[in-house]
Amino acid sequence: MSERISKTLTLPRLNRLNPSLESTALKIMEESGELAQAIGKFRGLNGESSRLEESQVMQYIAEELMDVAQTAVTMMFVLEEQYGIDLEEMFNAHITKLRNKGYCD
């Protein structure tokens, strides 16, 4: 029997924001672009050589990834609170889809 490996990430609902579906989708794209830019800089895709140590670059990439994750979680709150989407049900359907495709046990 293979060991099941997973990550659990809990991120807060942000206060003092009134995000819409559209503004959150745009923010996800912005944050994803910043993540791609960080990776591209590290790989030299912009024509510049990185002056940072690999560990510093990986830290920066991880920070940008957290921004993407937080914005995705914010969109989940929008879907639940403004549109009544049952994310528990969606999560279960997503896991079933991944299992059916053979991506996880």
PDB file of N, CA and C in Angstrom:
ATOM      1  N   MET A   1       0.846  -1.180   0.000  1.00  0.00           N
ATOM      2  CA  MET A   1       0.000   0.000   0.000  1.00  0.00           C
ATOM      3  C   MET A   1       0.892   1.244   0.000  1.00  0.00           C
ATOM      4  N   SER A   2       0.629   2.157  -0.908  1.00  0.00           N
ATOM      5  CA  SER A   2       1.444   3.371  -0.972  1.00  0.00           C
ATOM      6  C   SER A   2       0.970   4.385   0.067  1.00  0.00           C
ATOM      7  N   GLU A   3       1.941   5.156   0.529  1.00  0.00           N
ATOM      8  CA  GLU A   3       1.638   6.185   1.514  1.00  0.00           C
ATOM      9  C   GLU A   3       0.988   7.369   0.806  1.00  0.00           C
ATOM     10  N   ARG A   4      -0.095   7.858   1.381  1.00  0.00           N
ATOM     11  CA  ARG A   4      -0.768   9.027   0.821  1.00  0.00           C
ATOM     12  C   ARG A   4      -0.060  10.282   1.324  1.00  0.00           C
ATOM     13  N   ILE A   5       0.352  11.103   0.393  1.00  0.00           N
ATOM     14  CA  ILE A   5       1.040  12.342   0.732  1.00  0.00           C
ATOM     15  C   ILE A   5       0.171  13.505   0.282  1.00  0.00           C
ATOM     16  N   SER A   6      -0.031  14.453   1.181  1.00  0.00           N
ATOM     17  CA  SER A   6      -0.794  15.643   0.812  1.00  0.00           C
ATOM     18  C   SER A   6      -0.291  16.828   1.619  1.00  0.00           C
ATOM     19  N   LYS A   7      -0.649  17.997   1.166  1.00  0.00           N
ATOM     20  CA  LYS A   7      -0.353  19.242   1.865  1.00  0.00           C
ATOM     21  C   LYS A   7      -1.685  19.862   2.252  1.00  0.00           C
ATOM     22  N   THR A   8      -1.730  20.402   3.445  1.00  0.00           N
ATOM     23  CA  THR A   8      -2.901  21.141   3.879  1.00  0.00           C
ATOM     24  C   THR A   8      -2.471  22.571   4.119  1.00  0.00           C
ATOM     25  N   LEU A   9      -3.184  23.479   3.515  1.00  0.00           N
ATOM     26  CA  LEU A   9      -2.868  24.898   3.627  1.00  0.00           C
ATOM     27  C   LEU A   9      -4.131  25.620   4.052  1.00  0.00           C
ATOM     28  N   THR A  10      -4.053  26.326   5.148  1.00  0.00           N
ATOM     29  CA  THR A  10      -5.186  27.108   5.627  1.00  0.00           C
ATOM     30  C   THR A  10      -4.805  28.571   5.551  1.00  0.00           C
ATOM     31  N   LEU A  11      -5.561  29.311   4.777  1.00  0.00           N
ATOM     32  CA  LEU A  11      -5.313  30.739   4.622  1.00  0.00           C
ATOM     33  C   LEU A  11      -6.561  31.500   5.050  1.00  0.00           C
ATOM     34  N   PRO A  12      -6.395  32.684   5.605  1.00  0.00           N
ATOM     35  CA  PRO A  12      -7.530  33.410   6.176  1.00  0.00           C
ATOM     36  C   PRO A  12      -8.381  34.124   5.134  1.00  0.00           C
ATOM     37  N   ARG A  13      -9.597  34.431   5.556  1.00  0.00           N
ATOM     38  CA  ARG A  13     -10.433  35.356   4.801  1.00  0.00           C
ATOM     39  C   ARG A  13      -9.879  36.737   5.113  1.00  0.00           C
ATOM     40  N   LEU A  14      -9.586  37.496   4.088  1.00  0.00           N
ATOM     41  CA  LEU A  14      -8.981  38.804   4.285  1.00  0.00           C
ATOM     42  C   LEU A  14     -10.033  39.828   4.703  1.00  0.00           C
ATOM     43  N   ASN A  15      -9.675  40.676   5.620  1.00  0.00           N
ATOM     44  CA  ASN A  15     -10.565  41.732   6.093  1.00  0.00           C
ATOM     45  C   ASN A  15     -10.333  43.003   5.276  1.00  0.00           C
ATOM     46  N   ARG A  16     -11.250  43.920   5.389  1.00  0.00           N
ATOM     47  CA  ARG A  16     -11.142  45.232   4.749  1.00  0.00           C
ATOM     48  C   ARG A  16     -11.062  45.150   3.228  1.00  0.00           C
ATOM     49  N   LEU A  17     -11.577  44.067   2.674  1.00  0.00           N
ATOM     50  CA  LEU A  17     -11.659  43.925   1.227  1.00  0.00           C
ATOM     51  C   LEU A  17     -13.095  43.597   0.856  1.00  0.00           C
ATOM     52  N   ASN A  18     -13.484  44.014  -0.309  1.00  0.00           N
ATOM     53  CA  ASN A  18     -14.797  43.662  -0.824  1.00  0.00           C
ATOM     54  C   ASN A  18     -14.615  43.127  -2.243  1.00  0.00           C
ATOM     55  N   PRO A  19     -13.981  41.962  -2.356  1.00  0.00           N
ATOM     56  CA  PRO A  19     -13.646  41.462  -3.692  1.00  0.00           C
ATOM     57  C   PRO A  19     -14.870  40.974  -4.450  1.00  0.00           C
ATOM     58  N   SER A  20     -14.820  41.171  -5.748  1.00  0.00           N
ATOM     59  CA  SER A  20     -15.840  40.613  -6.629  1.00  0.00           C
ATOM     60  C   SER A  20     -15.220  39.419  -7.354  1.00  0.00           C
ATOM     61  N   LEU A  21     -16.053  38.690  -8.053  1.00  0.00           N
ATOM     62  CA  LEU A  21     -15.556  37.566  -8.840  1.00  0.00           C
ATOM     63  C   LEU A  21     -14.544  38.068  -9.875  1.00  0.00           C
ATOM     64  N   GLU A  22     -14.884  39.170 -10.534  1.00  0.00           N
ATOM     65  CA  GLU A  22     -14.023  39.701 -11.586  1.00  0.00           C
ATOM     66  C   GLU A  22     -12.708  40.247 -11.027  1.00  0.00           C
ATOM     67  N   SER A  23     -12.782  41.021  -9.947  1.00  0.00           N
ATOM     68  CA  SER A  23     -11.548  41.599  -9.396  1.00  0.00           C
ATOM     69  C   SER A  23     -10.624  40.513  -8.865  1.00  0.00           C
ATOM     70  N   THR A  24     -11.211  39.466  -8.317  1.00  0.00           N
ATOM     71  CA  THR A  24     -10.390  38.380  -7.792  1.00  0.00           C
ATOM     72  C   THR A  24      -9.754  37.577  -8.927  1.00  0.00           C
ATOM     73  N   ALA A  25     -10.497  37.345  -9.988  1.00  0.00           N
ATOM     74  CA  ALA A  25      -9.930  36.639 -11.145  1.00  0.00           C
ATOM     75  C   ALA A  25      -8.761  37.428 -11.730  1.00  0.00           C
ATOM     76  N   LEU A  26      -8.936  38.735 -11.850  1.00  0.00           N
ATOM     77  CA  LEU A  26      -7.848  39.578 -12.357  1.00  0.00           C
ATOM     78  C   LEU A  26      -6.641  39.546 -11.424  1.00  0.00           C
ATOM     79  N   LYS A  27      -6.892  39.530 -10.113  1.00  0.00           N
ATOM     80  CA  LYS A  27      -5.800  39.487  -9.140  1.00  0.00           C
ATOM     81  C   LYS A  27      -5.056  38.156  -9.227  1.00  0.00           C
ATOM     82  N   ILE A  28      -5.764  37.058  -9.453  1.00  0.00           N
ATOM     83  CA  ILE A  28      -5.106  35.758  -9.629  1.00  0.00           C
ATOM     84  C   ILE A  28      -4.171  35.817 -10.839  1.00  0.00           C
ATOM     85  N   MET A  29      -4.636  36.420 -11.921  1.00  0.00           N
ATOM     86  CA  MET A  29      -3.795  36.533 -13.116  1.00  0.00           C
ATOM     87  C   MET A  29      -2.568  37.406 -12.841  1.00  0.00           C
ATOM     88  N   GLU A  30      -2.763  38.492 -12.117  1.00  0.00           N
ATOM     89  CA  GLU A  30      -1.641  39.371 -11.775  1.00  0.00           C
ATOM     90  C   GLU A  30      -0.611  38.627 -10.937  1.00  0.00           C
ATOM     91  N   GLU A  31      -1.075  37.951  -9.896  1.00  0.00           N
ATOM     92  CA  GLU A  31      -0.164  37.225  -9.011  1.00  0.00           C
ATOM     93  C   GLU A  31       0.514  36.070  -9.743  1.00  0.00           C
ATOM     94  N   SER A  32      -0.209  35.395 -10.628  1.00  0.00           N
ATOM     95  CA  SER A  32       0.385  34.313 -11.418  1.00  0.00           C
ATOM     96  C   SER A  32       1.470  34.857 -12.336  1.00  0.00           C
ATOM     97  N   GLY A  33       1.227  36.044 -12.886  1.00  0.00           N
ATOM     98  CA  GLY A  33       2.242  36.687 -13.723  1.00  0.00           C
ATOM     99  C   GLY A  33       3.502  37.016 -12.938  1.00  0.00           C
ATOM    100  N   GLU A  34       3.320  37.480 -11.697  1.00  0.00           N
ATOM    101  CA  GLU A  34       4.478  37.779 -10.854  1.00  0.00           C
ATOM    102  C   GLU A  34       5.256  36.506 -10.519  1.00  0.00           C
ATOM    103  N   LEU A  35       4.533  35.404 -10.309  1.00  0.00           N
ATOM    104  CA  LEU A  35       5.196  34.118 -10.065  1.00  0.00           C
ATOM    105  C   LEU A  35       5.987  33.693 -11.302  1.00  0.00           C
ATOM    106  N   ALA A  36       5.373  33.792 -12.463  1.00  0.00           N
ATOM    107  CA  ALA A  36       6.060  33.426 -13.708  1.00  0.00           C
ATOM    108  C   ALA A  36       7.274  34.315 -13.933  1.00  0.00           C
ATOM    109  N   GLN A  37       7.148  35.592 -13.633  1.00  0.00           N
ATOM    110  CA  GLN A  37       8.265  36.519 -13.791  1.00  0.00           C
ATOM    111  C   GLN A  37       9.426  36.136 -12.874  1.00  0.00           C
ATOM    112  N   ALA A  38       9.109  35.761 -11.639  1.00  0.00           N
ATOM    113  CA  ALA A  38      10.155  35.352 -10.691  1.00  0.00           C
ATOM    114  C   ALA A  38      10.895  34.115 -11.201  1.00  0.00           C
ATOM    115  N   ILE A  39      10.144  33.160 -11.703  1.00  0.00           N
ATOM    116  CA  ILE A  39      10.767  31.946 -12.244  1.00  0.00           C
ATOM    117  C   ILE A  39      11.590  32.284 -13.479  1.00  0.00           C
ATOM    118  N   GLY A  40      11.046  33.117 -14.343  1.00  0.00           N
ATOM    119  CA  GLY A  40      11.754  33.516 -15.553  1.00  0.00           C
ATOM    120  C   GLY A  40      13.058  34.234 -15.260  1.00  0.00           C
ATOM    121  N   LYS A  41      13.040  35.101 -14.253  1.00  0.00           N
ATOM    122  CA  LYS A  41      14.272  35.805 -13.879  1.00  0.00           C
ATOM    123  C   LYS A  41      15.320  34.811 -13.404  1.00  0.00           C
ATOM    124  N   PHE A  42      14.885  33.839 -12.589  1.00  0.00           N
ATOM    125  CA  PHE A  42      15.819  32.841 -12.071  1.00  0.00           C
ATOM    126  C   PHE A  42      16.421  32.018 -13.201  1.00  0.00           C
ATOM    127  N   ARG A  43      15.617  31.688 -14.183  1.00  0.00           N
ATOM    128  CA  ARG A  43      16.081  30.870 -15.306  1.00  0.00           C
ATOM    129  C   ARG A  43      16.775  31.695 -16.390  1.00  0.00           C
ATOM    130  N   GLY A  44      16.840  33.014 -16.202  1.00  0.00           N
ATOM    131  CA  GLY A  44      17.499  33.866 -17.179  1.00  0.00           C
ATOM    132  C   GLY A  44      16.700  34.088 -18.443  1.00  0.00           C
ATOM    133  N   LEU A  45      15.398  33.898 -18.393  1.00  0.00           N
ATOM    134  CA  LEU A  45      14.568  34.035 -19.583  1.00  0.00           C
ATOM    135  C   LEU A  45      14.384  35.482 -20.018  1.00  0.00           C
ATOM    136  N   ASN A  46      14.749  36.408 -19.140  1.00  0.00           N
ATOM    137  CA  ASN A  46      14.642  37.822 -19.494  1.00  0.00           C
ATOM    138  C   ASN A  46      15.961  38.376 -20.029  1.00  0.00           C
ATOM    139  N   GLY A  47      16.945  37.507 -20.225  1.00  0.00           N
ATOM    140  CA  GLY A  47      18.232  37.918 -20.747  1.00  0.00           C
ATOM    141  C   GLY A  47      19.218  38.396 -19.697  1.00  0.00           C
ATOM    142  N   GLU A  48      18.775  38.507 -18.457  1.00  0.00           N
ATOM    143  CA  GLU A  48      19.651  38.938 -17.376  1.00  0.00           C
ATOM    144  C   GLU A  48      20.105  37.729 -16.573  1.00  0.00           C
ATOM    145  N   SER A  49      21.297  37.811 -16.038  1.00  0.00           N
ATOM    146  CA  SER A  49      21.725  36.745 -15.135  1.00  0.00           C
ATOM    147  C   SER A  49      21.308  37.126 -13.715  1.00  0.00           C
ATOM    148  N   SER A  50      20.899  36.135 -12.970  1.00  0.00           N
ATOM    149  CA  SER A  50      20.452  36.378 -11.598  1.00  0.00           C
ATOM    150  C   SER A  50      21.649  36.688 -10.714  1.00  0.00           C
ATOM    151  N   ARG A  51      21.498  37.711  -9.901  1.00  0.00           N
ATOM    152  CA  ARG A  51      22.571  38.080  -8.976  1.00  0.00           C
ATOM    153  C   ARG A  51      22.314  37.515  -7.578  1.00  0.00           C
ATOM    154  N   LEU A  52      21.231  36.791  -7.447  1.00  0.00           N
ATOM    155  CA  LEU A  52      20.859  36.241  -6.150  1.00  0.00           C
ATOM    156  C   LEU A  52      21.277  34.782  -6.043  1.00  0.00           C
ATOM    157  N   GLU A  53      21.477  34.342  -4.832  1.00  0.00           N
ATOM    158  CA  GLU A  53      21.735  32.925  -4.585  1.00  0.00           C
ATOM    159  C   GLU A  53      20.453  32.142  -4.876  1.00  0.00           C
ATOM    160  N   GLU A  54      20.609  30.886  -5.241  1.00  0.00           N
ATOM    161  CA  GLU A  54      19.438  30.059  -5.555  1.00  0.00           C
ATOM    162  C   GLU A  54      18.456  30.018  -4.392  1.00  0.00           C
ATOM    163  N   SER A  55      18.955  29.931  -3.161  1.00  0.00           N
ATOM    164  CA  SER A  55      18.053  29.869  -2.006  1.00  0.00           C
ATOM    165  C   SER A  55      17.226  31.148  -1.877  1.00  0.00           C
ATOM    166  N   GLN A  56      17.820  32.296  -2.205  1.00  0.00           N
ATOM    167  CA  GLN A  56      17.082  33.563  -2.155  1.00  0.00           C
ATOM    168  C   GLN A  56      16.005  33.600  -3.237  1.00  0.00           C
ATOM    169  N   VAL A  57      16.353  33.116  -4.414  1.00  0.00           N
ATOM    170  CA  VAL A  57      15.397  33.092  -5.517  1.00  0.00           C
ATOM    171  C   VAL A  57      14.235  32.162  -5.182  1.00  0.00           C
ATOM    172  N   MET A  58      14.550  30.987  -4.637  1.00  0.00           N
ATOM    173  CA  MET A  58      13.486  30.037  -4.286  1.00  0.00           C
ATOM    174  C   MET A  58      12.571  30.610  -3.203  1.00  0.00           C
ATOM    175  N   GLN A  59      13.140  31.359  -2.282  1.00  0.00           N
ATOM    176  CA  GLN A  59      12.338  32.034  -1.251  1.00  0.00           C
ATOM    177  C   GLN A  59      11.381  33.032  -1.904  1.00  0.00           C
ATOM    178  N   TYR A  60      11.882  33.804  -2.860  1.00  0.00           N
ATOM    179  CA  TYR A  60      11.062  34.784  -3.572  1.00  0.00           C
ATOM    180  C   TYR A  60       9.956  34.081  -4.358  1.00  0.00           C
ATOM    181  N   ILE A  61      10.297  32.980  -5.035  1.00  0.00           N
ATOM    182  CA  ILE A  61       9.299  32.209  -5.779  1.00  0.00           C
ATOM    183  C   ILE A  61       8.225  31.687  -4.834  1.00  0.00           C
ATOM    184  N   ALA A  62       8.630  31.171  -3.671  1.00  0.00           N
ATOM    185  CA  ALA A  62       7.661  30.667  -2.685  1.00  0.00           C
ATOM    186  C   ALA A  62       6.746  31.784  -2.193  1.00  0.00           C
ATOM    187  N   GLU A  63       7.303  32.982  -1.994  1.00  0.00           N
ATOM    188  CA  GLU A  63       6.480  34.124  -1.569  1.00  0.00           C
ATOM    189  C   GLU A  63       5.437  34.464  -2.629  1.00  0.00           C
ATOM    190  N   GLU A  64       5.843  34.459  -3.884  1.00  0.00           N
ATOM    191  CA  GLU A  64       4.898  34.747  -4.967  1.00  0.00           C
ATOM    192  C   GLU A  64       3.834  33.647  -5.064  1.00  0.00           C
ATOM    193  N   LEU A  65       4.243  32.396  -4.842  1.00  0.00           N
ATOM    194  CA  LEU A  65       3.282  31.296  -4.852  1.00  0.00           C
ATOM    195  C   LEU A  65       2.243  31.462  -3.744  1.00  0.00           C
ATOM    196  N   MET A  66       2.677  31.926  -2.570  1.00  0.00           N
ATOM    197  CA  MET A  66       1.731  32.170  -1.477  1.00  0.00           C
ATOM    198  C   MET A  66       0.732  33.256  -1.849  1.00  0.00           C
ATOM    199  N   ASP A  67       1.185  34.274  -2.588  1.00  0.00           N
ATOM    200  CA  ASP A  67       0.264  35.312  -3.051  1.00  0.00           C
ATOM    201  C   ASP A  67      -0.792  34.726  -3.986  1.00  0.00           C
ATOM    202  N   VAL A  68      -0.372  33.825  -4.880  1.00  0.00           N
ATOM    203  CA  VAL A  68      -1.316  33.164  -5.781  1.00  0.00           C
ATOM    204  C   VAL A  68      -2.323  32.341  -4.958  1.00  0.00           C
ATOM    205  N   ALA A  69      -1.809  31.574  -3.991  1.00  0.00           N
ATOM    206  CA  ALA A  69      -2.680  30.728  -3.165  1.00  0.00           C
ATOM    207  C   ALA A  69      -3.674  31.571  -2.368  1.00  0.00           C
ATOM    208  N   GLN A  70      -3.201  32.666  -1.767  1.00  0.00           N
ATOM    209  CA  GLN A  70      -4.096  33.518  -0.974  1.00  0.00           C
ATOM    210  C   GLN A  70      -5.200  34.094  -1.854  1.00  0.00           C
ATOM    211  N   THR A  71      -4.850  34.504  -3.046  1.00  0.00           N
ATOM    212  CA  THR A  71      -5.855  35.075  -3.937  1.00  0.00           C
ATOM    213  C   THR A  71      -6.849  34.007  -4.382  1.00  0.00           C
ATOM    214  N   ALA A  72      -6.383  32.782  -4.609  1.00  0.00           N
ATOM    215  CA  ALA A  72      -7.296  31.690  -4.953  1.00  0.00           C
ATOM    216  C   ALA A  72      -8.246  31.401  -3.796  1.00  0.00           C
ATOM    217  N   VAL A  73      -7.730  31.430  -2.576  1.00  0.00           N
ATOM    218  CA  VAL A  73      -8.589  31.214  -1.406  1.00  0.00           C
ATOM    219  C   VAL A  73      -9.605  32.350  -1.287  1.00  0.00           C
ATOM    220  N   THR A  74      -9.175  33.565  -1.572  1.00  0.00           N
ATOM    221  CA  THR A  74     -10.105  34.690  -1.558  1.00  0.00           C
ATOM    222  C   THR A  74     -11.233  34.457  -2.556  1.00  0.00           C
ATOM    223  N   MET A  75     -10.906  33.932  -3.726  1.00  0.00           N
ATOM    224  CA  MET A  75     -11.953  33.643  -4.714  1.00  0.00           C
ATOM    225  C   MET A  75     -12.889  32.549  -4.205  1.00  0.00           C
ATOM    226  N   MET A  76     -12.359  31.598  -3.454  1.00  0.00           N
ATOM    227  CA  MET A  76     -13.217  30.565  -2.866  1.00  0.00           C
ATOM    228  C   MET A  76     -14.232  31.188  -1.911  1.00  0.00           C
ATOM    229  N   PHE A  77     -13.775  32.145  -1.084  1.00  0.00           N
ATOM    230  CA  PHE A  77     -14.699  32.847  -0.199  1.00  0.00           C
ATOM    231  C   PHE A  77     -15.761  33.600  -0.999  1.00  0.00           C
ATOM    232  N   VAL A  78     -15.362  34.232  -2.094  1.00  0.00           N
ATOM    233  CA  VAL A  78     -16.318  34.948  -2.948  1.00  0.00           C
ATOM    234  C   VAL A  78     -17.363  33.973  -3.485  1.00  0.00           C
ATOM    235  N   LEU A  79     -16.905  32.821  -3.986  1.00  0.00           N
ATOM    236  CA  LEU A  79     -17.834  31.835  -4.537  1.00  0.00           C
ATOM    237  C   LEU A  79     -18.803  31.325  -3.477  1.00  0.00           C
ATOM    238  N   GLU A  80     -18.302  31.085  -2.281  1.00  0.00           N
ATOM    239  CA  GLU A  80     -19.175  30.615  -1.193  1.00  0.00           C
ATOM    240  C   GLU A  80     -20.160  31.691  -0.758  1.00  0.00           C
ATOM    241  N   GLU A  81     -19.631  32.880  -0.452  1.00  0.00           N
ATOM    242  CA  GLU A  81     -20.432  33.924   0.172  1.00  0.00           C
ATOM    243  C   GLU A  81     -21.350  34.650  -0.799  1.00  0.00           C
ATOM    244  N   GLN A  82     -20.904  34.865  -2.023  1.00  0.00           N
ATOM    245  CA  GLN A  82     -21.701  35.645  -2.963  1.00  0.00           C
ATOM    246  C   GLN A  82     -22.528  34.785  -3.919  1.00  0.00           C
ATOM    247  N   TYR A  83     -22.110  33.531  -4.118  1.00  0.00           N
ATOM    248  CA  TYR A  83     -22.775  32.692  -5.112  1.00  0.00           C
ATOM    249  C   TYR A  83     -23.285  31.365  -4.556  1.00  0.00           C
ATOM    250  N   GLY A  84     -23.073  31.122  -3.266  1.00  0.00           N
ATOM    251  CA  GLY A  84     -23.613  29.920  -2.625  1.00  0.00           C
ATOM    252  C   GLY A  84     -23.000  28.612  -3.075  1.00  0.00           C
ATOM    253  N   ILE A  85     -21.779  28.649  -3.592  1.00  0.00           N
ATOM    254  CA  ILE A  85     -21.115  27.427  -4.038  1.00  0.00           C
ATOM    255  C   ILE A  85     -20.664  26.621  -2.816  1.00  0.00           C
ATOM    256  N   ASP A  86     -20.956  25.329  -2.827  1.00  0.00           N
ATOM    257  CA  ASP A  86     -20.553  24.429  -1.740  1.00  0.00           C
ATOM    258  C   ASP A  86     -19.154  23.905  -2.065  1.00  0.00           C
ATOM    259  N   LEU A  87     -18.148  24.540  -1.475  1.00  0.00           N
ATOM    260  CA  LEU A  87     -16.770  24.166  -1.797  1.00  0.00           C
ATOM    261  C   LEU A  87     -16.381  22.802  -1.248  1.00  0.00           C
ATOM    262  N   GLU A  88     -17.013  22.359  -0.187  1.00  0.00           N
ATOM    263  CA  GLU A  88     -16.753  21.000   0.317  1.00  0.00           C
ATOM    264  C   GLU A  88     -17.151  19.980  -0.749  1.00  0.00           C
ATOM    265  N   GLU A  89     -18.312  20.189  -1.339  1.00  0.00           N
ATOM    266  CA  GLU A  89     -18.781  19.317  -2.411  1.00  0.00           C
ATOM    267  C   GLU A  89     -17.848  19.412  -3.625  1.00  0.00           C
ATOM    268  N   MET A  90     -17.427  20.617  -3.961  1.00  0.00           N
ATOM    269  CA  MET A  90     -16.519  20.815  -5.088  1.00  0.00           C
ATOM    270  C   MET A  90     -15.167  20.144  -4.828  1.00  0.00           C
ATOM    271  N   PHE A  91     -14.673  20.254  -3.596  1.00  0.00           N
ATOM    272  CA  PHE A  91     -13.411  19.621  -3.226  1.00  0.00           C
ATOM    273  C   PHE A  91     -13.503  18.111  -3.423  1.00  0.00           C
ATOM    274  N   ASN A  92     -14.576  17.517  -2.917  1.00  0.00           N
ATOM    275  CA  ASN A  92     -14.746  16.067  -3.046  1.00  0.00           C
ATOM    276  C   ASN A  92     -14.826  15.638  -4.514  1.00  0.00           C
ATOM    277  N   ALA A  93     -15.527  16.407  -5.323  1.00  0.00           N
ATOM    278  CA  ALA A  93     -15.624  16.099  -6.756  1.00  0.00           C
ATOM    279  C   ALA A  93     -14.253  16.237  -7.422  1.00  0.00           C
ATOM    280  N   HIS A  94     -13.485  17.224  -6.998  1.00  0.00           N
ATOM    281  CA  HIS A  94     -12.148  17.425  -7.556  1.00  0.00           C
ATOM    282  C   HIS A  94     -11.230  16.249  -7.227  1.00  0.00           C
ATOM    283  N   ILE A  95     -11.261  15.807  -5.980  1.00  0.00           N
ATOM    284  CA  ILE A  95     -10.427  14.664  -5.577  1.00  0.00           C
ATOM    285  C   ILE A  95     -10.840  13.416  -6.349  1.00  0.00           C
ATOM    286  N   THR A  96     -12.138  13.204  -6.515  1.00  0.00           N
ATOM    287  CA  THR A  96     -12.623  12.063  -7.291  1.00  0.00           C
ATOM    288  C   THR A  96     -12.113  12.138  -8.721  1.00  0.00           C
ATOM    289  N   LYS A  97     -12.160  13.321  -9.321  1.00  0.00           N
ATOM    290  CA  LYS A  97     -11.662  13.509 -10.685  1.00  0.00           C
ATOM    291  C   LYS A  97     -10.177  13.166 -10.763  1.00  0.00           C
ATOM    292  N   LEU A  98      -9.388  13.634  -9.803  1.00  0.00           N
ATOM    293  CA  LEU A  98      -7.955  13.339  -9.798  1.00  0.00           C
ATOM    294  C   LEU A  98      -7.697  11.841  -9.666  1.00  0.00           C
ATOM    295  N   ARG A  99      -8.460  11.188  -8.804  1.00  0.00           N
ATOM    296  CA  ARG A  99      -8.309   9.734  -8.629  1.00  0.00           C
ATOM    297  C   ARG A  99      -8.669   9.005  -9.919  1.00  0.00           C
ATOM    298  N   ASN A 100      -9.774   9.416 -10.549  1.00  0.00           N
ATOM    299  CA  ASN A 100     -10.205   8.766 -11.788  1.00  0.00           C
ATOM    300  C   ASN A 100      -9.183   8.916 -12.905  1.00  0.00           C
ATOM    301  N   LYS A 101      -8.435   9.996 -12.891  1.00  0.00           N
ATOM    302  CA  LYS A 101      -7.405  10.212 -13.895  1.00  0.00           C
ATOM    303  C   LYS A 101      -6.085   9.532 -13.511  1.00  0.00           C
ATOM    304  N   GLY A 102      -6.037   8.951 -12.306  1.00  0.00           N
ATOM    305  CA  GLY A 102      -4.847   8.256 -11.871  1.00  0.00           C
ATOM    306  C   GLY A 102      -3.767   9.163 -11.310  1.00  0.00           C
ATOM    307  N   TYR A 103      -4.120  10.409 -10.998  1.00  0.00           N
ATOM    308  CA  TYR A 103      -3.136  11.356 -10.454  1.00  0.00           C
ATOM    309  C   TYR A 103      -2.843  11.136  -8.980  1.00  0.00           C
ATOM    310  N   CYS A 104      -3.735  10.499  -8.269  1.00  0.00           N
ATOM    311  CA  CYS A 104      -3.513  10.224  -6.840  1.00  0.00           C
ATOM    312  C   CYS A 104      -4.349   9.006  -6.441  1.00  0.00           C
ATOM    313  N   ASP A 105      -4.036   8.492  -5.270  1.00  0.00           N
ATOM    314  CA  ASP A 105      -4.771   7.325  -4.740  1.00  0.00           C
ATOM    315  C   ASP A 105      -5.980   7.763  -3.964  1.00  0.00           C
TER     316      ASP A 105
END
